[in-house]
């Protein structure tokens, strides 16, 4: 049972690690396109500054997506390590010091 769960968690880590970068780039591009599209729809003087706003917003979206994926991967890897290490390491016991 633990081996099966460990294999599933390892597979999830591999999939998330493979998908992390393309998903972050896609989210950044979508955020930038949505900003440009929303500014093009509005007839105002700020329409010319849509790209100047889309670049930092896209960069922030990319960075935030990378951080979220990294945190999720870290949590899954920690759970995986606990499962694997519990079968290898002996249980720690507390011993009193002798005086």
Protein backbone atom coordinates (compact mmCIF):
# COMPACT_ATOMS: atom_id res chain seq x y z
CA UNK A 1 0.00 0.00 0.00
CA UNK A 2 2.76 2.47 0.94
CA UNK A 3 4.71 1.54 -2.17
CA UNK A 4 1.71 2.22 -4.38
CA UNK A 5 1.07 5.57 -2.68
CA UNK A 6 4.75 6.45 -2.93
CA UNK A 7 4.76 5.67 -6.65
CA UNK A 8 1.68 7.83 -7.20
CA UNK A 9 3.25 10.77 -5.36
CA UNK A 10 6.48 10.40 -7.32
CA UNK A 11 4.50 10.40 -10.56
CA UNK A 12 2.67 13.57 -9.51
CA UNK A 13 5.96 15.30 -8.75
CA UNK A 14 7.35 14.36 -12.17
CA UNK A 15 4.21 15.57 -13.95
CA UNK A 16 4.07 18.86 -12.03
CA UNK A 17 7.77 19.47 -12.61
CA UNK A 18 7.32 18.87 -16.34
CA UNK A 19 4.23 21.11 -16.57
CA UNK A 20 5.46 23.89 -14.27
CA UNK A 21 7.42 26.05 -16.73
CA UNK A 22 5.01 25.87 -19.72
CA UNK A 23 2.02 26.54 -17.45
CA UNK A 24 3.72 29.58 -15.91
CA UNK A 25 4.62 30.99 -19.32
CA UNK A 26 1.09 30.37 -20.62
CA UNK A 27 -0.41 32.11 -17.58
CA UNK A 28 1.89 35.11 -18.11
CA UNK A 29 0.97 35.34 -21.79
CA UNK A 30 -2.75 35.10 -21.00
CA UNK A 31 -2.46 37.80 -18.34
CA UNK A 32 -0.64 40.09 -20.75
CA UNK A 33 -3.12 39.48 -23.57
CA UNK A 34 -6.07 40.08 -21.25
CA UNK A 35 -4.60 43.43 -20.13
CA UNK A 36 -3.96 44.50 -23.70
CA UNK A 37 -7.44 43.37 -24.75
CA UNK A 38 -9.16 45.17 -21.91
CA UNK A 39 -7.29 48.40 -22.62
CA UNK A 40 -8.07 48.15 -26.35
CA UNK A 41 -11.78 47.83 -25.56
CA UNK A 42 -11.74 51.06 -23.54
CA UNK A 43 -11.57 54.26 -25.52
CA UNK A 44 -9.23 56.27 -23.32
CA UNK A 45 -5.79 57.82 -23.36
CA UNK A 46 -4.39 54.98 -21.26
CA UNK A 47 -4.85 52.59 -24.19
CA UNK A 48 -1.33 53.44 -25.39
CA UNK A 49 0.16 52.21 -22.13
CA UNK A 50 -1.36 48.72 -22.23
CA UNK A 51 1.90 47.03 -23.23
CA UNK A 52 3.81 48.90 -20.54
CA UNK A 53 1.40 47.49 -17.99
CA UNK A 54 1.12 44.04 -19.58
CA UNK A 55 4.86 43.31 -19.35
CA UNK A 56 5.24 43.73 -15.55
CA UNK A 57 1.87 42.09 -14.90
CA UNK A 58 2.81 39.13 -17.09
CA UNK A 59 6.17 38.86 -15.32
CA UNK A 60 4.50 38.95 -11.90
CA UNK A 61 1.99 36.32 -13.01
CA UNK A 62 4.80 34.10 -14.31
CA UNK A 63 6.74 34.44 -11.05
CA UNK A 64 3.68 33.80 -8.87
CA UNK A 65 2.73 30.72 -10.89
CA UNK A 66 6.28 29.36 -10.54
CA UNK A 67 6.16 29.94 -6.77
CA UNK A 68 2.78 28.20 -6.40
CA UNK A 69 3.91 25.20 -8.46
CA UNK A 70 7.16 25.05 -6.45
CA UNK A 71 5.25 25.08 -3.18
CA UNK A 72 2.90 22.33 -4.32
CA UNK A 73 5.83 20.21 -5.49
CA UNK A 74 7.60 20.76 -2.16
CA UNK A 75 4.56 19.62 -0.19
CA UNK A 76 4.15 16.50 -2.33
CA UNK A 77 7.88 15.71 -2.09
CA UNK A 78 7.76 16.10 1.69
CA UNK A 79 4.85 13.70 1.92
CA UNK A 80 6.66 11.28 -0.39
CA UNK A 81 9.80 11.49 1.74
CA UNK A 82 7.83 10.79 4.92
CA UNK A 83 6.32 7.68 3.37
CA UNK A 84 9.64 6.40 2.07
CA UNK A 85 11.66 7.31 5.18
CA UNK A 86 9.14 5.79 7.58
CA UNK A 87 9.88 2.32 6.23
CA UNK A 88 13.66 2.83 6.26
CA UNK A 89 14.41 4.72 9.46
CA UNK A 90 13.79 3.25 12.88
CA UNK A 91 11.44 5.05 15.24
CA UNK A 92 13.26 7.58 17.43
CA UNK A 93 13.13 6.99 21.16
CA UNK A 94 13.90 9.42 23.96
CA UNK A 95 16.50 8.25 26.47
CA UNK A 96 17.21 9.84 29.80
CA UNK A 97 20.75 10.89 30.52
CA UNK A 98 22.53 9.06 33.30
CA UNK A 99 24.25 11.19 35.90
